Protein backbone atom coordinates (compact mmCIF):
# COMPACT_ATOMS: atom_id res chain seq x y z
CA MET A 1 -7.28 -16.40 -22.58
CA PRO A 2 -5.02 -15.01 -19.82
CA MET A 3 -4.46 -11.28 -19.61
CA PRO A 4 -1.09 -10.15 -20.93
CA PRO A 5 1.36 -8.79 -18.35
CA TYR A 6 1.46 -5.03 -18.05
CA GLN A 7 3.73 -2.60 -16.27
CA VAL A 8 2.50 -0.68 -13.25
CA PHE A 9 4.12 2.69 -12.72
CA CYS A 10 4.62 4.75 -9.57
CA TYR A 11 1.65 7.01 -8.78
CA THR A 12 3.91 10.01 -8.14
CA LYS A 13 3.36 12.69 -10.76
CA ASP A 14 6.22 12.80 -13.29
CA CYS A 15 7.89 9.70 -11.80
CA LYS A 16 8.77 7.26 -14.58
CA ASN A 17 9.77 4.34 -12.31
CA LEU A 18 7.90 1.06 -12.09
CA ALA A 19 5.92 0.53 -8.89
CA LYS A 20 7.67 -1.82 -6.50
CA TYR A 21 5.47 -1.33 -3.43
CA LYS A 22 1.83 -1.08 -2.48
CA ILE A 23 1.03 1.29 0.36
CA ALA A 24 -2.03 -0.26 1.97
CA ALA A 25 -3.87 -1.06 5.18
CA ARG A 26 -5.72 -4.20 6.18
CA TRP A 27 -9.45 -3.43 6.25
CA SER A 28 -12.43 -5.56 7.23
CA ASP A 29 -16.15 -5.07 7.67
CA GLY A 30 -16.31 -8.17 9.86
CA VAL A 31 -17.14 -10.45 6.94
CA VAL A 32 -14.80 -9.49 4.11
CA GLY A 33 -11.18 -8.41 4.45
CA GLU A 34 -8.81 -6.80 1.96
CA LEU A 35 -5.96 -4.37 1.59
CA LYS A 36 -7.18 -0.79 1.22
CA THR A 37 -4.76 0.75 -1.26
CA TYR A 38 -3.38 4.23 -0.67
CA GLY A 39 -0.88 4.15 -3.54
CA LEU A 40 1.55 2.19 -5.68
CA CYS A 41 5.09 3.49 -5.71
CA CYS A 42 8.72 2.96 -6.53
CA GLU A 43 11.42 2.63 -3.90
CA GLU A 44 12.40 6.32 -4.15
CA CYS A 45 8.82 7.51 -3.52
CA ALA A 46 7.87 4.99 -0.80
CA GLY A 47 8.41 7.42 2.09
CA ILE A 48 6.17 10.05 0.51
CA TRP A 49 3.38 7.54 -0.13
CA LEU A 50 3.65 5.96 3.32
CA GLU A 51 3.27 9.40 4.90
CA ARG A 52 0.30 10.20 2.61
CA GLY A 53 -1.34 6.92 3.54
CA ARG A 54 -0.84 7.57 7.24
CA GLN A 55 -2.38 11.04 6.89
CA ARG A 56 -5.42 9.66 5.05
CA PHE A 57 -5.71 6.89 7.66
CA ALA A 58 -5.79 9.49 10.46
CA GLU A 59 -8.64 11.29 8.66
CA SER A 60 -10.70 8.16 7.95
CA GLY A 61 -13.93 7.32 9.68
CA LEU A 62 -15.20 3.80 10.20
CA THR A 63 -18.69 2.45 10.51
CA VAL A 64 -19.77 -0.05 13.16
CA GLY A 65 -18.02 -3.38 12.63
CA GLU A 66 -15.25 -2.03 10.42
CA THR A 67 -11.57 -2.33 11.29
CA LEU A 68 -8.65 -0.61 9.60
CA GLU A 69 -4.99 -1.08 10.50
CA PRO A 70 -2.43 1.68 9.98
CA PRO A 71 -1.01 1.65 6.42
CA GLY A 72 2.15 -0.25 5.68
CA ILE A 73 4.40 -1.09 2.74
CA TYR A 74 3.80 -4.32 0.85
CA LEU A 75 6.06 -5.75 -1.85
CA LEU A 76 4.22 -5.97 -5.17
CA GLU A 77 4.60 -9.37 -6.78
CA ARG A 78 2.98 -10.30 -10.07
CA GLY A 79 0.30 -12.94 -9.74
CA LEU A 80 -0.09 -12.70 -5.95
CA ARG A 81 -3.31 -11.64 -4.26
CA ASP A 82 -3.43 -9.06 -1.48
CA GLN A 83 -3.59 -11.69 1.26
CA THR A 84 -0.18 -13.07 0.29
CA LEU A 85 1.78 -9.85 -0.26
CA GLN A 86 4.71 -9.55 2.14
CA ARG A 87 4.76 -6.53 4.44
CA GLN A 88 8.09 -4.69 4.49
CA CYS A 89 8.32 -3.86 8.21
CA GLU A 90 12.02 -2.99 8.23
CA LEU A 91 11.59 -0.55 5.35
CA GLU A 92 8.62 1.02 7.14
CA LYS A 93 10.65 1.49 10.34
CA ARG A 94 13.52 3.03 8.42
CA LEU A 95 11.27 5.45 6.52
CA LEU A 96 9.21 6.41 9.57
CA ALA A 97 12.39 7.17 11.50
CA LEU A 98 13.21 9.78 8.84
CA THR A 99 9.97 11.71 9.40
């Protein structure tokens, strides 16, 4: 039996909006690759979460063979796996220009 759909809310405390974006970075250990999630957020909170992700990225340490790209903003779409989520480069540029 398929799982019923559920709503995903923004991770920002006291924010009641549905999450629209995934703040994540492409990670690999040389064999497996995935998006490392830093947060799920609504459009209004995307700048805050992108900055948080970039700070955590700067503090991260990698082991031999691991790779980690800088975090970006990916559009959440129901039913799609990480590998097919579309990166929102223009939104990233706009938000990073504000910081």
